[in-house]
Amino acid sequence: MPRRKGRGSGFEIRVANLYRKGGYSVERNRIINGHEFDVLAKRKRERPLVVEAKNWKKSPIHSGVIRDLVSKARSVGGKPVLAIPKSSTLTKPARNLAKRKGVRIKRV
């Protein structure tokens, strides 16, 4: 249940629809343990996917985004996924951190 319509809401809807089509049940903009989740995708008995949707085109995604995503995923026992447009980039430290922490990068 979206709280407000913001800049990234169209991209979040697109990401949520991709997971729905993949057989996941999806919740958007849910607040749990003080964290707001862009997309929570669950399927059967699998761990939930905690998806952070970032529609950044002008500046690269930095390691702070990765740290926050990992923290959110841990708080609910989920797997972290960063959904970004094909045109977005990550800084080298962000790429390295994502690899170390097991963050899946999904280009949409």
PDB file of N, CA and C in Angstrom:
ATOM      1  N   MET A   1       0.830  -1.177   0.000  1.00  0.00           N
ATOM      2  CA  MET A   1       0.000   0.000   0.000  1.00  0.00           C
ATOM      3  C   MET A   1       0.876   1.241   0.000  1.00  0.00           C
ATOM      4  N   PRO A   2       0.972   1.901  -1.130  1.00  0.00           N
ATOM      5  CA  PRO A   2       1.827   3.077  -1.239  1.00  0.00           C
ATOM      6  C   PRO A   2       1.353   4.210  -0.340  1.00  0.00           C
ATOM      7  N   ARG A   3       2.312   4.844   0.328  1.00  0.00           N
ATOM      8  CA  ARG A   3       1.982   5.964   1.211  1.00  0.00           C
ATOM      9  C   ARG A   3       1.875   7.258   0.421  1.00  0.00           C
ATOM     10  N   ARG A   4       2.727   7.424  -0.567  1.00  0.00           N
ATOM     11  CA  ARG A   4       2.730   8.655  -1.347  1.00  0.00           C
ATOM     12  C   ARG A   4       3.241   8.334  -2.744  1.00  0.00           C
ATOM     13  N   LYS A   5       2.919   9.194  -3.660  1.00  0.00           N
ATOM     14  CA  LYS A   5       3.398   8.991  -5.011  1.00  0.00           C
ATOM     15  C   LYS A   5       4.608   9.902  -5.195  1.00  0.00           C
ATOM     16  N   GLY A   6       5.774   9.304  -5.333  1.00  0.00           N
ATOM     17  CA  GLY A   6       7.005  10.067  -5.459  1.00  0.00           C
ATOM     18  C   GLY A   6       7.701   9.807  -6.778  1.00  0.00           C
ATOM     19  N   ARG A   7       8.920  10.311  -6.878  1.00  0.00           N
ATOM     20  CA  ARG A   7       9.692  10.202  -8.104  1.00  0.00           C
ATOM     21  C   ARG A   7       9.906   8.754  -8.545  1.00  0.00           C
ATOM     22  N   GLY A   8      10.201   7.882  -7.601  1.00  0.00           N
ATOM     23  CA  GLY A   8      10.546   6.521  -7.961  1.00  0.00           C
ATOM     24  C   GLY A   8       9.377   5.568  -8.032  1.00  0.00           C
ATOM     25  N   SER A   9       8.165   6.042  -7.782  1.00  0.00           N
ATOM     26  CA  SER A   9       7.046   5.119  -7.672  1.00  0.00           C
ATOM     27  C   SER A   9       6.757   4.381  -8.975  1.00  0.00           C
ATOM     28  N   GLY A  10       6.914   5.017 -10.118  1.00  0.00           N
ATOM     29  CA  GLY A  10       6.695   4.348 -11.400  1.00  0.00           C
ATOM     30  C   GLY A  10       7.676   3.215 -11.612  1.00  0.00           C
ATOM     31  N   PHE A  11       8.929   3.438 -11.247  1.00  0.00           N
ATOM     32  CA  PHE A  11       9.950   2.406 -11.380  1.00  0.00           C
ATOM     33  C   PHE A  11       9.680   1.271 -10.396  1.00  0.00           C
ATOM     34  N   GLU A  12       9.266   1.606  -9.183  1.00  0.00           N
ATOM     35  CA  GLU A  12       8.939   0.578  -8.189  1.00  0.00           C
ATOM     36  C   GLU A  12       7.783  -0.290  -8.667  1.00  0.00           C
ATOM     37  N   ILE A  13       6.788   0.316  -9.272  1.00  0.00           N
ATOM     38  CA  ILE A  13       5.649  -0.433  -9.800  1.00  0.00           C
ATOM     39  C   ILE A  13       6.123  -1.391 -10.889  1.00  0.00           C
ATOM     40  N   ARG A  14       6.993  -0.916 -11.754  1.00  0.00           N
ATOM     41  CA  ARG A  14       7.532  -1.766 -12.831  1.00  0.00           C
ATOM     42  C   ARG A  14       8.284  -2.965 -12.260  1.00  0.00           C
ATOM     43  N   VAL A  15       9.116  -2.716 -11.248  1.00  0.00           N
ATOM     44  CA  VAL A  15       9.877  -3.790 -10.603  1.00  0.00           C
ATOM     45  C   VAL A  15       8.917  -4.764  -9.924  1.00  0.00           C
ATOM     46  N   ALA A  16       7.933  -4.251  -9.193  1.00  0.00           N
ATOM     47  CA  ALA A  16       6.964  -5.112  -8.505  1.00  0.00           C
ATOM     48  C   ALA A  16       6.218  -5.989  -9.507  1.00  0.00           C
ATOM     49  N   ASN A  17       5.832  -5.419 -10.633  1.00  0.00           N
ATOM     50  CA  ASN A  17       5.118  -6.197 -11.652  1.00  0.00           C
ATOM     51  C   ASN A  17       5.984  -7.304 -12.236  1.00  0.00           C
ATOM     52  N   LEU A  18       7.273  -7.067 -12.380  1.00  0.00           N
ATOM     53  CA  LEU A  18       8.170  -8.114 -12.875  1.00  0.00           C
ATOM     54  C   LEU A  18       8.191  -9.308 -11.923  1.00  0.00           C
ATOM     55  N   TYR A  19       8.243  -9.033 -10.633  1.00  0.00           N
ATOM     56  CA  TYR A  19       8.243 -10.122  -9.663  1.00  0.00           C
ATOM     57  C   TYR A  19       6.888 -10.817  -9.605  1.00  0.00           C
ATOM     58  N   ARG A  20       5.786 -10.061  -9.733  1.00  0.00           N
ATOM     59  CA  ARG A  20       4.460 -10.686  -9.770  1.00  0.00           C
ATOM     60  C   ARG A  20       4.359 -11.665 -10.939  1.00  0.00           C
ATOM     61  N   LYS A  21       4.841 -11.228 -12.096  1.00  0.00           N
ATOM     62  CA  LYS A  21       4.816 -12.097 -13.279  1.00  0.00           C
ATOM     63  C   LYS A  21       5.691 -13.332 -13.082  1.00  0.00           C
ATOM     64  N   GLY A  22       6.687 -13.234 -12.216  1.00  0.00           N
ATOM     65  CA  GLY A  22       7.562 -14.360 -11.923  1.00  0.00           C
ATOM     66  C   GLY A  22       7.009 -15.289 -10.849  1.00  0.00           C
ATOM     67  N   GLY A  23       5.779 -15.059 -10.405  1.00  0.00           N
ATOM     68  CA  GLY A  23       5.153 -15.955  -9.452  1.00  0.00           C
ATOM     69  C   GLY A  23       5.318 -15.574  -7.991  1.00  0.00           C
ATOM     70  N   TYR A  24       5.778 -14.367  -7.723  1.00  0.00           N
ATOM     71  CA  TYR A  24       5.955 -13.902  -6.345  1.00  0.00           C
ATOM     72  C   TYR A  24       4.712 -13.154  -5.883  1.00  0.00           C
ATOM     73  N   SER A  25       4.444 -13.209  -4.581  1.00  0.00           N
ATOM     74  CA  SER A  25       3.467 -12.282  -4.004  1.00  0.00           C
ATOM     75  C   SER A  25       4.277 -11.058  -3.578  1.00  0.00           C
ATOM     76  N   VAL A  26       3.748  -9.896  -3.852  1.00  0.00           N
ATOM     77  CA  VAL A  26       4.528  -8.663  -3.717  1.00  0.00           C
ATOM     78  C   VAL A  26       3.829  -7.669  -2.802  1.00  0.00           C
ATOM     79  N   GLU A  27       4.624  -7.038  -1.950  1.00  0.00           N
ATOM     80  CA  GLU A  27       4.155  -5.915  -1.136  1.00  0.00           C
ATOM     81  C   GLU A  27       5.056  -4.734  -1.443  1.00  0.00           C
ATOM     82  N   ARG A  28       4.474  -3.551  -1.543  1.00  0.00           N
ATOM     83  CA  ARG A  28       5.259  -2.342  -1.816  1.00  0.00           C
ATOM     84  C   ARG A  28       5.172  -1.375  -0.654  1.00  0.00           C
ATOM     85  N   ASN A  29       6.269  -0.651  -0.433  1.00  0.00           N
ATOM     86  CA  ASN A  29       6.338   0.429   0.560  1.00  0.00           C
ATOM     87  C   ASN A  29       5.847  -0.007   1.943  1.00  0.00           C
ATOM     88  N   ARG A  30       6.282  -1.154   2.361  1.00  0.00           N
ATOM     89  CA  ARG A  30       5.918  -1.698   3.677  1.00  0.00           C
ATOM     90  C   ARG A  30       6.945  -1.251   4.701  1.00  0.00           C
ATOM     91  N   ILE A  31       6.502  -0.902   5.889  1.00  0.00           N
ATOM     92  CA  ILE A  31       7.418  -0.517   6.962  1.00  0.00           C
ATOM     93  C   ILE A  31       7.434  -1.632   8.004  1.00  0.00           C
ATOM     94  N   ILE A  32       8.638  -2.181   8.235  1.00  0.00           N
ATOM     95  CA  ILE A  32       8.837  -3.247   9.223  1.00  0.00           C
ATOM     96  C   ILE A  32      10.113  -2.922   9.983  1.00  0.00           C
ATOM     97  N   ASN A  33      10.056  -3.031  11.299  1.00  0.00           N
ATOM     98  CA  ASN A  33      11.230  -2.787  12.158  1.00  0.00           C
ATOM     99  C   ASN A  33      11.895  -1.435  11.862  1.00  0.00           C
ATOM    100  N   GLY A  34      11.106  -0.440  11.547  1.00  0.00           N
ATOM    101  CA  GLY A  34      11.647   0.892  11.301  1.00  0.00           C
ATOM    102  C   GLY A  34      12.271   1.085   9.921  1.00  0.00           C
ATOM    103  N   HIS A  35      12.187   0.079   9.050  1.00  0.00           N
ATOM    104  CA  HIS A  35      12.726   0.177   7.697  1.00  0.00           C
ATOM    105  C   HIS A  35      11.568   0.216   6.701  1.00  0.00           C
ATOM    106  N   GLU A  36      11.699   1.072   5.688  1.00  0.00           N
ATOM    107  CA  GLU A  36      10.706   1.062   4.618  1.00  0.00           C
ATOM    108  C   GLU A  36      11.254   0.237   3.469  1.00  0.00           C
ATOM    109  N   PHE A  37      10.453  -0.713   3.007  1.00  0.00           N
ATOM    110  CA  PHE A  37      10.851  -1.598   1.932  1.00  0.00           C
ATOM    111  C   PHE A  37      10.161  -1.179   0.648  1.00  0.00           C
ATOM    112  N   ASP A  38      10.939  -0.960  -0.416  1.00  0.00           N
ATOM    113  CA  ASP A  38      10.347  -0.606  -1.707  1.00  0.00           C
ATOM    114  C   ASP A  38       9.479  -1.762  -2.194  1.00  0.00           C
ATOM    115  N   VAL A  39      10.080  -2.960  -2.243  1.00  0.00           N
ATOM    116  CA  VAL A  39       9.359  -4.147  -2.703  1.00  0.00           C
ATOM    117  C   VAL A  39       9.787  -5.344  -1.859  1.00  0.00           C
ATOM    118  N   LEU A  40       8.825  -6.057  -1.324  1.00  0.00           N
ATOM    119  CA  LEU A  40       9.065  -7.341  -0.664  1.00  0.00           C
ATOM    120  C   LEU A  40       8.405  -8.399  -1.535  1.00  0.00           C
ATOM    121  N   ALA A  41       9.191  -9.340  -2.022  1.00  0.00           N
ATOM    122  CA  ALA A  41       8.665 -10.386  -2.898  1.00  0.00           C
ATOM    123  C   ALA A  41       8.841 -11.734  -2.213  1.00  0.00           C
ATOM    124  N   LYS A  42       7.742 -12.477  -2.092  1.00  0.00           N
ATOM    125  CA  LYS A  42       7.777 -13.775  -1.418  1.00  0.00           C
ATOM    126  C   LYS A  42       7.205 -14.841  -2.346  1.00  0.00           C
ATOM    127  N   ARG A  43       7.808 -16.027  -2.267  1.00  0.00           N
ATOM    128  CA  ARG A  43       7.301 -17.161  -3.054  1.00  0.00           C
ATOM    129  C   ARG A  43       7.428 -18.425  -2.222  1.00  0.00           C
ATOM    130  N   LYS A  44       6.313 -19.066  -1.996  1.00  0.00           N
ATOM    131  CA  LYS A  44       6.241 -20.328  -1.245  1.00  0.00           C
ATOM    132  C   LYS A  44       7.043 -20.247   0.040  1.00  0.00           C
ATOM    133  N   ARG A  45       7.945 -21.201   0.239  1.00  0.00           N
ATOM    134  CA  ARG A  45       8.699 -21.249   1.492  1.00  0.00           C
ATOM    135  C   ARG A  45      10.086 -20.638   1.366  1.00  0.00           C
ATOM    136  N   GLU A  46      10.353 -19.936   0.286  1.00  0.00           N
ATOM    137  CA  GLU A  46      11.657 -19.300   0.092  1.00  0.00           C
ATOM    138  C   GLU A  46      11.786 -18.068   0.988  1.00  0.00           C
ATOM    139  N   ARG A  47      13.029 -17.697   1.262  1.00  0.00           N
ATOM    140  CA  ARG A  47      13.261 -16.447   1.988  1.00  0.00           C
ATOM    141  C   ARG A  47      12.759 -15.297   1.122  1.00  0.00           C
ATOM    142  N   PRO A  48      12.208 -14.267   1.740  1.00  0.00           N
ATOM    143  CA  PRO A  48      11.707 -13.145   0.931  1.00  0.00           C
ATOM    144  C   PRO A  48      12.852 -12.388   0.257  1.00  0.00           C
ATOM    145  N   LEU A  49      12.542 -11.811  -0.884  1.00  0.00           N
ATOM    146  CA  LEU A  49      13.493 -10.930  -1.560  1.00  0.00           C
ATOM    147  C   LEU A  49      13.189  -9.509  -1.105  1.00  0.00           C
ATOM    148  N   VAL A  50      14.213  -8.831  -0.630  1.00  0.00           N
ATOM    149  CA  VAL A  50      14.086  -7.430  -0.232  1.00  0.00           C
ATOM    150  C   VAL A  50      14.676  -6.624  -1.376  1.00  0.00           C
ATOM    151  N   VAL A  51      13.798  -5.970  -2.129  1.00  0.00           N
ATOM    152  CA  VAL A  51      14.212  -5.287  -3.352  1.00  0.00           C
ATOM    153  C   VAL A  51      14.217  -3.783  -3.132  1.00  0.00           C
ATOM    154  N   GLU A  52      15.368  -3.180  -3.346  1.00  0.00           N
ATOM    155  CA  GLU A  52      15.512  -1.722  -3.310  1.00  0.00           C
ATOM    156  C   GLU A  52      15.534  -1.261  -4.756  1.00  0.00           C
ATOM    157  N   ALA A  53      14.571  -0.434  -5.139  1.00  0.00           N
ATOM    158  CA  ALA A  53      14.475   0.055  -6.513  1.00  0.00           C
ATOM    159  C   ALA A  53      15.060   1.460  -6.579  1.00  0.00           C
ATOM    160  N   LYS A  54      16.141   1.608  -7.342  1.00  0.00           N
ATOM    161  CA  LYS A  54      16.795   2.903  -7.491  1.00  0.00           C
ATOM    162  C   LYS A  54      16.796   3.298  -8.953  1.00  0.00           C
ATOM    163  N   ASN A  55      16.132   4.378  -9.261  1.00  0.00           N
ATOM    164  CA  ASN A  55      16.038   4.854 -10.637  1.00  0.00           C
ATOM    165  C   ASN A  55      16.968   6.054 -10.828  1.00  0.00           C
ATOM    166  N   TRP A  56      18.240   5.852 -10.468  1.00  0.00           N
ATOM    167  CA  TRP A  56      19.226   6.923 -10.572  1.00  0.00           C
ATOM    168  C   TRP A  56      19.868   6.875 -11.946  1.00  0.00           C
ATOM    169  N   LYS A  57      19.823   7.991 -12.654  1.00  0.00           N
ATOM    170  CA  LYS A  57      20.406   8.024 -13.991  1.00  0.00           C
ATOM    171  C   LYS A  57      21.621   8.944 -14.072  1.00  0.00           C
ATOM    172  N   LYS A  58      21.655   9.978 -13.234  1.00  0.00           N
ATOM    173  CA  LYS A  58      22.723  10.970 -13.363  1.00  0.00           C
ATOM    174  C   LYS A  58      23.931  10.688 -12.495  1.00  0.00           C
ATOM    175  N   SER A  59      23.726  10.114 -11.316  1.00  0.00           N
ATOM    176  CA  SER A  59      24.863   9.853 -10.432  1.00  0.00           C
ATOM    177  C   SER A  59      24.951   8.351 -10.154  1.00  0.00           C
ATOM    178  N   PRO A  60      26.166   7.847  -9.968  1.00  0.00           N
ATOM    179  CA  PRO A  60      26.312   6.415  -9.695  1.00  0.00           C
ATOM    180  C   PRO A  60      25.802   6.059  -8.296  1.00  0.00           C
ATOM    181  N   ILE A  61      25.396   4.823  -8.149  1.00  0.00           N
ATOM    182  CA  ILE A  61      24.903   4.324  -6.869  1.00  0.00           C
ATOM    183  C   ILE A  61      26.107   4.029  -5.986  1.00  0.00           C
ATOM    184  N   HIS A  62      26.081   4.528  -4.766  1.00  0.00           N
ATOM    185  CA  HIS A  62      27.230   4.428  -3.875  1.00  0.00           C
ATOM    186  C   HIS A  62      27.042   3.314  -2.842  1.00  0.00           C
ATOM    187  N   SER A  63      28.099   3.038  -2.109  1.00  0.00           N
ATOM    188  CA  SER A  63      28.097   1.907  -1.175  1.00  0.00           C
ATOM    189  C   SER A  63      27.119   2.101  -0.004  1.00  0.00           C
ATOM    190  N   GLY A  64      26.740   3.324   0.315  1.00  0.00           N
ATOM    191  CA  GLY A  64      25.757   3.558   1.375  1.00  0.00           C
ATOM    192  C   GLY A  64      24.418   2.906   1.047  1.00  0.00           C
ATOM    193  N   VAL A  65      24.051   2.920  -0.214  1.00  0.00           N
ATOM    194  CA  VAL A  65      22.800   2.284  -0.648  1.00  0.00           C
ATOM    195  C   VAL A  65      22.888   0.777  -0.408  1.00  0.00           C
ATOM    196  N   ILE A  66      24.041   0.194  -0.705  1.00  0.00           N
ATOM    197  CA  ILE A  66      24.241  -1.246  -0.516  1.00  0.00           C
ATOM    198  C   ILE A  66      24.188  -1.594   0.970  1.00  0.00           C
ATOM    199  N   ARG A  67      24.860  -0.792   1.803  1.00  0.00           N
ATOM    200  CA  ARG A  67      24.840  -1.041   3.256  1.00  0.00           C
ATOM    201  C   ARG A  67      23.416  -0.993   3.802  1.00  0.00           C
ATOM    202  N   ASP A  68      22.641   0.011   3.391  1.00  0.00           N
ATOM    203  CA  ASP A  68      21.259   0.137   3.862  1.00  0.00           C
ATOM    204  C   ASP A  68      20.419  -1.060   3.420  1.00  0.00           C
ATOM    205  N   LEU A  69      20.600  -1.487   2.181  1.00  0.00           N
ATOM    206  CA  LEU A  69      19.849  -2.624   1.652  1.00  0.00           C
ATOM    207  C   LEU A  69      20.165  -3.902   2.429  1.00  0.00           C
ATOM    208  N   VAL A  70      21.441  -4.139   2.701  1.00  0.00           N
ATOM    209  CA  VAL A  70      21.843  -5.328   3.453  1.00  0.00           C
ATOM    210  C   VAL A  70      21.240  -5.289   4.855  1.00  0.00           C
ATOM    211  N   SER A  71      21.249  -4.124   5.484  1.00  0.00           N
ATOM    212  CA  SER A  71      20.666  -3.971   6.817  1.00  0.00           C
ATOM    213  C   SER A  71      19.168  -4.277   6.809  1.00  0.00           C
ATOM    214  N   LYS A  72      18.454  -3.754   5.811  1.00  0.00           N
ATOM    215  CA  LYS A  72      17.021  -4.012   5.691  1.00  0.00           C
ATOM    216  C   LYS A  72      16.756  -5.504   5.499  1.00  0.00           C
ATOM    217  N   ALA A  73      17.529  -6.126   4.624  1.00  0.00           N
ATOM    218  CA  ALA A  73      17.328  -7.551   4.337  1.00  0.00           C
ATOM    219  C   ALA A  73      17.568  -8.396   5.588  1.00  0.00           C
ATOM    220  N   ARG A  74      18.600  -8.059   6.341  1.00  0.00           N
ATOM    221  CA  ARG A  74      18.889  -8.802   7.578  1.00  0.00           C
ATOM    222  C   ARG A  74      17.768  -8.664   8.589  1.00  0.00           C
ATOM    223  N   SER A  75      17.152  -7.486   8.639  1.00  0.00           N
ATOM    224  CA  SER A  75      16.113  -7.254   9.645  1.00  0.00           C
ATOM    225  C   SER A  75      14.896  -8.153   9.464  1.00  0.00           C
ATOM    226  N   VAL A  76      14.684  -8.671   8.248  1.00  0.00           N
ATOM    227  CA  VAL A  76      13.546  -9.567   8.003  1.00  0.00           C
ATOM    228  C   VAL A  76      13.997 -10.949   7.533  1.00  0.00           C
ATOM    229  N   GLY A  77      15.297 -11.211   7.551  1.00  0.00           N
ATOM    230  CA  GLY A  77      15.801 -12.513   7.126  1.00  0.00           C
ATOM    231  C   GLY A  77      15.649 -12.759   5.646  1.00  0.00           C
ATOM    232  N   GLY A  78      15.727 -11.682   4.858  1.00  0.00           N
ATOM    233  CA  GLY A  78      15.531 -11.802   3.415  1.00  0.00           C
ATOM    234  C   GLY A  78      16.818 -11.717   2.614  1.00  0.00           C
ATOM    235  N   LYS A  79      16.683 -11.919   1.314  1.00  0.00           N
ATOM    236  CA  LYS A  79      17.811 -11.821   0.388  1.00  0.00           C
ATOM    237  C   LYS A  79      17.796 -10.429  -0.247  1.00  0.00           C
ATOM    238  N   PRO A  80      18.920  -9.705  -0.229  1.00  0.00           N
ATOM    239  CA  PRO A  80      18.941  -8.354  -0.787  1.00  0.00           C
ATOM    240  C   PRO A  80      19.068  -8.345  -2.313  1.00  0.00           C
ATOM    241  N   VAL A  81      18.234  -7.517  -2.947  1.00  0.00           N
ATOM    242  CA  VAL A  81      18.256  -7.343  -4.401  1.00  0.00           C
ATOM    243  C   VAL A  81      18.203  -5.845  -4.684  1.00  0.00           C
ATOM    244  N   LEU A  82      19.098  -5.375  -5.541  1.00  0.00           N
ATOM    245  CA  LEU A  82      19.091  -3.977  -5.967  1.00  0.00           C
ATOM    246  C   LEU A  82      18.605  -3.931  -7.410  1.00  0.00           C
ATOM    247  N   ALA A  83      17.444  -3.308  -7.634  1.00  0.00           N
ATOM    248  CA  ALA A  83      16.881  -3.172  -8.975  1.00  0.00           C
ATOM    249  C   ALA A  83      17.204  -1.778  -9.494  1.00  0.00           C
ATOM    250  N   ILE A  84      17.889  -1.742 -10.642  1.00  0.00           N
ATOM    251  CA  ILE A  84      18.289  -0.465 -11.230  1.00  0.00           C
ATOM    252  C   ILE A  84      18.031  -0.485 -12.736  1.00  0.00           C
ATOM    253  N   PRO A  85      17.891   0.698 -13.342  1.00  0.00           N
ATOM    254  CA  PRO A  85      17.751   0.738 -14.801  1.00  0.00           C
ATOM    255  C   PRO A  85      19.057   0.307 -15.477  1.00  0.00           C
ATOM    256  N   LYS A  86      18.944  -0.127 -16.709  1.00  0.00           N
ATOM    257  CA  LYS A  86      20.133  -0.579 -17.446  1.00  0.00           C
ATOM    258  C   LYS A  86      21.156   0.531 -17.603  1.00  0.00           C
ATOM    259  N   SER A  87      20.711   1.777 -17.581  1.00  0.00           N
ATOM    260  CA  SER A  87      21.617   2.910 -17.777  1.00  0.00           C
ATOM    261  C   SER A  87      22.345   3.343 -16.497  1.00  0.00           C
ATOM    262  N   SER A  88      21.929   2.833 -15.341  1.00  0.00           N
ATOM    263  CA  SER A  88      22.557   3.227 -14.073  1.00  0.00           C
ATOM    264  C   SER A  88      23.894   2.530 -13.870  1.00  0.00           C
ATOM    265  N   THR A  89      24.746   3.166 -13.075  1.00  0.00           N
ATOM    266  CA  THR A  89      26.050   2.592 -12.758  1.00  0.00           C
ATOM    267  C   THR A  89      26.232   2.541 -11.247  1.00  0.00           C
ATOM    268  N   LEU A  90      27.184   1.724 -10.820  1.00  0.00           N
ATOM    269  CA  LEU A  90      27.563   1.641  -9.416  1.00  0.00           C
ATOM    270  C   LEU A  90      29.012   2.069  -9.298  1.00  0.00           C
ATOM    271  N   THR A  91      29.353   2.705  -8.183  1.00  0.00           N
ATOM    272  CA  THR A  91      30.753   3.022  -7.941  1.00  0.00           C
ATOM    273  C   THR A  91      31.498   1.704  -7.705  1.00  0.00           C
ATOM    274  N   LYS A  92      32.801   1.730  -7.867  1.00  0.00           N
ATOM    275  CA  LYS A  92      33.589   0.518  -7.664  1.00  0.00           C
ATOM    276  C   LYS A  92      33.450  -0.006  -6.234  1.00  0.00           C
ATOM    277  N   PRO A  93      33.531   0.870  -5.199  1.00  0.00           N
ATOM    278  CA  PRO A  93      33.326   0.358  -3.836  1.00  0.00           C
ATOM    279  C   PRO A  93      31.937  -0.272  -3.652  1.00  0.00           C
ATOM    280  N   ALA A  94      30.924   0.288  -4.301  1.00  0.00           N
ATOM    281  CA  ALA A  94      29.566  -0.268  -4.195  1.00  0.00           C
ATOM    282  C   ALA A  94      29.501  -1.640  -4.850  1.00  0.00           C
ATOM    283  N   ARG A  95      30.112  -1.787  -6.022  1.00  0.00           N
ATOM    284  CA  ARG A  95      30.137  -3.099  -6.697  1.00  0.00           C
ATOM    285  C   ARG A  95      30.837  -4.140  -5.839  1.00  0.00           C
ATOM    286  N   ASN A  96      31.982  -3.760  -5.265  1.00  0.00           N
ATOM    287  CA  ASN A  96      32.739  -4.687  -4.427  1.00  0.00           C
ATOM    288  C   ASN A  96      31.948  -5.091  -3.177  1.00  0.00           C
ATOM    289  N   LEU A  97      31.306  -4.121  -2.541  1.00  0.00           N
ATOM    290  CA  LEU A  97      30.521  -4.401  -1.346  1.00  0.00           C
ATOM    291  C   LEU A  97      29.339  -5.304  -1.682  1.00  0.00           C
ATOM    292  N   ALA A  98      28.676  -5.022  -2.792  1.00  0.00           N
ATOM    293  CA  ALA A  98      27.540  -5.849  -3.208  1.00  0.00           C
ATOM    294  C   ALA A  98      27.977  -7.291  -3.426  1.00  0.00           C
ATOM    295  N   LYS A  99      29.130  -7.459  -4.030  1.00  0.00           N
ATOM    296  CA  LYS A  99      29.641  -8.807  -4.274  1.00  0.00           C
ATOM    297  C   LYS A  99      29.951  -9.522  -2.955  1.00  0.00           C
ATOM    298  N   ARG A 100      30.610  -8.824  -2.031  1.00  0.00           N
ATOM    299  CA  ARG A 100      30.958  -9.417  -0.736  1.00  0.00           C
ATOM    300  C   ARG A 100      29.734  -9.779   0.091  1.00  0.00           C
ATOM    301  N   LYS A 101      28.698  -8.944   0.022  1.00  0.00           N
ATOM    302  CA  LYS A 101      27.508  -9.141   0.854  1.00  0.00           C
ATOM    303  C   LYS A 101      26.421  -9.986   0.175  1.00  0.00           C
ATOM    304  N   GLY A 102      26.675 -10.421  -1.052  1.00  0.00           N
ATOM    305  CA  GLY A 102      25.703 -11.269  -1.748  1.00  0.00           C
ATOM    306  C   GLY A 102      24.479 -10.545  -2.251  1.00  0.00           C
ATOM    307  N   VAL A 103      24.641  -9.269  -2.602  1.00  0.00           N
ATOM    308  CA  VAL A 103      23.520  -8.486  -3.124  1.00  0.00           C
ATOM    309  C   VAL A 103      23.390  -8.775  -4.616  1.00  0.00           C
ATOM    310  N   ARG A 104      22.207  -9.186  -5.010  1.00  0.00           N
ATOM    311  CA  ARG A 104      21.941  -9.443  -6.423  1.00  0.00           C
ATOM    312  C   ARG A 104      21.583  -8.122  -7.100  1.00  0.00           C
ATOM    313  N   ILE A 105      22.226  -7.845  -8.227  1.00  0.00           N
ATOM    314  CA  ILE A 105      21.932  -6.627  -8.988  1.00  0.00           C
ATOM    315  C   ILE A 105      21.023  -7.025 -10.149  1.00  0.00           C
ATOM    316  N   LYS A 106      19.815  -6.473 -10.177  1.00  0.00           N
ATOM    317  CA  LYS A 106      18.860  -6.774 -11.247  1.00  0.00           C
ATOM    318  C   LYS A 106      18.693  -5.514 -12.097  1.00  0.00           C
ATOM    319  N   ARG A 107      19.110  -5.626 -13.342  1.00  0.00           N
ATOM    320  CA  ARG A 107      18.966  -4.500 -14.278  1.00  0.00           C
ATOM    321  C   ARG A 107      17.624  -4.625 -14.991  1.00  0.00           C
ATOM    322  N   VAL A 108      16.824  -3.584 -14.857  1.00  0.00           N
ATOM    323  CA  VAL A 108      15.458  -3.598 -15.400  1.00  0.00           C
ATOM    324  C   VAL A 108      15.376  -2.669 -16.593  1.00  0.00           C
TER     325      VAL A 108
END
